[in-house]
């Protein structure tokens, strides 16, 4: 079990970025992330090494996974989506 404190830093920033850039897969309800780790690093303004470490940790903890076991293509898992929803609710609550 993880607490939201795990996401009070760069882990959430990367997860949220990945969530926001997902694209739909034609003729399905699924979405995936199509950018390479280098492209993600450039856009988030982290080093590729840092992105790799964060993404490996997110993957190890079950928040993201490879899309159809393809290297360089990712999906946000159901638990990853739940984290986004909880963090966004928390953010809205704090801004209220």
C-alpha atoms as a PDB file:
ATOM      1  CA  UNK A   1       0.000   0.000   0.000  1.00  0.00           C
ATOM      2  CA  UNK A   2       1.296   3.430  -0.915  1.00  0.00           C
ATOM      3  CA  UNK A   3       0.360   6.790   0.494  1.00  0.00           C
ATOM      4  CA  UNK A   4      -0.136   9.909  -1.563  1.00  0.00           C
ATOM      5  CA  UNK A   5       3.052  11.251   0.038  1.00  0.00           C
ATOM      6  CA  UNK A   6       4.963   9.143  -2.511  1.00  0.00           C
ATOM      7  CA  UNK A   7       3.517  11.472  -5.140  1.00  0.00           C
ATOM      8  CA  UNK A   8       4.293  14.762  -3.403  1.00  0.00           C
ATOM      9  CA  UNK A   9       7.315  15.237  -5.662  1.00  0.00           C
ATOM     10  CA  UNK A  10       8.709  14.485  -9.124  1.00  0.00           C
ATOM     11  CA  UNK A  11       7.032  11.059  -9.233  1.00  0.00           C
ATOM     12  CA  UNK A  12       3.639  12.701  -9.520  1.00  0.00           C
ATOM     13  CA  UNK A  13       4.892  15.297 -11.968  1.00  0.00           C
ATOM     14  CA  UNK A  14       6.029  12.529 -14.318  1.00  0.00           C
ATOM     15  CA  UNK A  15       2.916  10.388 -13.808  1.00  0.00           C
ATOM     16  CA  UNK A  16       0.624  13.367 -14.441  1.00  0.00           C
ATOM     17  CA  UNK A  17       2.612  14.364 -17.529  1.00  0.00           C
ATOM     18  CA  UNK A  18       2.322  10.820 -18.889  1.00  0.00           C
ATOM     19  CA  UNK A  19      -1.392  10.840 -18.131  1.00  0.00           C
ATOM     20  CA  UNK A  20      -1.882  14.147 -19.944  1.00  0.00           C
ATOM     21  CA  UNK A  21      -0.045  13.114 -23.129  1.00  0.00           C
ATOM     22  CA  UNK A  22      -1.784   9.776 -23.663  1.00  0.00           C
ATOM     23  CA  UNK A  23      -3.321   9.259 -27.071  1.00  0.00           C
ATOM     24  CA  UNK A  24      -6.288   7.032 -27.836  1.00  0.00           C
ATOM     25  CA  UNK A  25      -5.770   3.760 -29.639  1.00  0.00           C
ATOM     26  CA  UNK A  26      -7.954   3.640 -32.709  1.00  0.00           C
ATOM     27  CA  UNK A  27     -11.223   1.713 -32.340  1.00  0.00           C
ATOM     28  CA  UNK A  28     -10.686   1.072 -28.610  1.00  0.00           C
ATOM     29  CA  UNK A  29     -11.138   2.873 -25.320  1.00  0.00           C
ATOM     30  CA  UNK A  30      -7.470   2.320 -24.480  1.00  0.00           C
ATOM     31  CA  UNK A  31      -4.807   5.020 -24.470  1.00  0.00           C
ATOM     32  CA  UNK A  32      -1.036   4.853 -24.519  1.00  0.00           C
ATOM     33  CA  UNK A  33       2.038   7.056 -24.217  1.00  0.00           C
ATOM     34  CA  UNK A  34       3.980   7.307 -27.450  1.00  0.00           C
ATOM     35  CA  UNK A  35       6.973   9.452 -26.489  1.00  0.00           C
ATOM     36  CA  UNK A  36      10.456   8.138 -25.815  1.00  0.00           C
ATOM     37  CA  UNK A  37      12.066   8.685 -22.432  1.00  0.00           C
ATOM     38  CA  UNK A  38      14.358  11.282 -24.007  1.00  0.00           C
ATOM     39  CA  UNK A  39      11.366  13.200 -25.383  1.00  0.00           C
ATOM     40  CA  UNK A  40       9.641  12.987 -21.995  1.00  0.00           C
ATOM     41  CA  UNK A  41      12.819  14.201 -20.279  1.00  0.00           C
ATOM     42  CA  UNK A  42      13.061  17.158 -22.649  1.00  0.00           C
ATOM     43  CA  UNK A  43       9.438  18.138 -22.110  1.00  0.00           C
ATOM     44  CA  UNK A  44       9.497  17.736 -18.308  1.00  0.00           C
ATOM     45  CA  UNK A  45      12.965  19.313 -18.156  1.00  0.00           C
ATOM     46  CA  UNK A  46      14.568  16.422 -16.294  1.00  0.00           C
ATOM     47  CA  UNK A  47      17.562  14.392 -17.378  1.00  0.00           C
ATOM     48  CA  UNK A  48      16.921  11.174 -19.251  1.00  0.00           C
ATOM     49  CA  UNK A  49      18.588   9.317 -16.369  1.00  0.00           C
ATOM     50  CA  UNK A  50      16.131  10.832 -13.883  1.00  0.00           C
ATOM     51  CA  UNK A  51      13.139  10.051 -16.115  1.00  0.00           C
ATOM     52  CA  UNK A  52      14.344   6.491 -16.544  1.00  0.00           C
ATOM     53  CA  UNK A  53      14.688   6.027 -12.770  1.00  0.00           C
ATOM     54  CA  UNK A  54      11.250   7.521 -12.048  1.00  0.00           C
ATOM     55  CA  UNK A  55       9.553   5.518 -14.779  1.00  0.00           C
ATOM     56  CA  UNK A  56      11.210   2.287 -13.654  1.00  0.00           C
ATOM     57  CA  UNK A  57       9.994   2.970 -10.110  1.00  0.00           C
ATOM     58  CA  UNK A  58       6.467   3.812 -11.297  1.00  0.00           C
ATOM     59  CA  UNK A  59       6.494   0.619 -13.336  1.00  0.00           C
ATOM     60  CA  UNK A  60       7.861  -1.505 -10.478  1.00  0.00           C
ATOM     61  CA  UNK A  61       5.126  -0.176  -8.186  1.00  0.00           C
ATOM     62  CA  UNK A  62       2.389  -0.817 -10.759  1.00  0.00           C
ATOM     63  CA  UNK A  63       1.402   2.728 -11.733  1.00  0.00           C
ATOM     64  CA  UNK A  64       2.528   2.394 -15.358  1.00  0.00           C
ATOM     65  CA  UNK A  65       3.292  -0.571 -17.585  1.00  0.00           C
ATOM     66  CA  UNK A  66       4.527  -1.314 -21.073  1.00  0.00           C
ATOM     67  CA  UNK A  67       1.832  -1.235 -23.722  1.00  0.00           C
ATOM     68  CA  UNK A  68       1.514  -4.761 -25.127  1.00  0.00           C
ATOM     69  CA  UNK A  69       5.057  -5.494 -23.909  1.00  0.00           C
ATOM     70  CA  UNK A  70       6.433  -3.027 -26.462  1.00  0.00           C
ATOM     71  CA  UNK A  71       9.580  -1.215 -25.488  1.00  0.00           C
ATOM     72  CA  UNK A  72       9.140   2.556 -25.357  1.00  0.00           C
ATOM     73  CA  UNK A  73       5.319   2.486 -25.295  1.00  0.00           C
ATOM     74  CA  UNK A  74       3.559   2.841 -21.964  1.00  0.00           C
ATOM     75  CA  UNK A  75       0.112   2.800 -20.402  1.00  0.00           C
ATOM     76  CA  UNK A  76      -1.186   4.214 -17.151  1.00  0.00           C
ATOM     77  CA  UNK A  77      -2.559   1.331 -15.075  1.00  0.00           C
ATOM     78  CA  UNK A  78      -5.858   1.472 -13.220  1.00  0.00           C
ATOM     79  CA  UNK A  79      -4.056   2.210  -9.956  1.00  0.00           C
ATOM     80  CA  UNK A  80      -2.098   4.970 -11.707  1.00  0.00           C
ATOM     81  CA  UNK A  81      -5.368   6.492 -12.897  1.00  0.00           C
ATOM     82  CA  UNK A  82      -6.757   6.298  -9.359  1.00  0.00           C
ATOM     83  CA  UNK A  83      -3.724   8.204  -8.061  1.00  0.00           C
ATOM     84  CA  UNK A  84      -4.300  10.955 -10.640  1.00  0.00           C
ATOM     85  CA  UNK A  85      -7.967  11.206  -9.641  1.00  0.00           C
ATOM     86  CA  UNK A  86      -7.112  11.368  -5.919  1.00  0.00           C
ATOM     87  CA  UNK A  87      -4.379  13.956  -6.402  1.00  0.00           C
ATOM     88  CA  UNK A  88      -6.610  16.115  -8.578  1.00  0.00           C
ATOM     89  CA  UNK A  89      -9.408  15.935  -5.988  1.00  0.00           C
ATOM     90  CA  UNK A  90      -6.905  16.892  -3.297  1.00  0.00           C
ATOM     91  CA  UNK A  91      -5.688  19.804  -5.406  1.00  0.00           C
ATOM     92  CA  UNK A  92      -9.261  21.009  -6.003  1.00  0.00           C
ATOM     93  CA  UNK A  93     -10.042  20.690  -2.302  1.00  0.00           C
ATOM     94  CA  UNK A  94      -6.967  22.743  -1.362  1.00  0.00           C
ATOM     95  CA  UNK A  95      -7.860  25.431  -3.909  1.00  0.00           C
ATOM     96  CA  UNK A  96     -11.413  25.676  -2.668  1.00  0.00           C
END
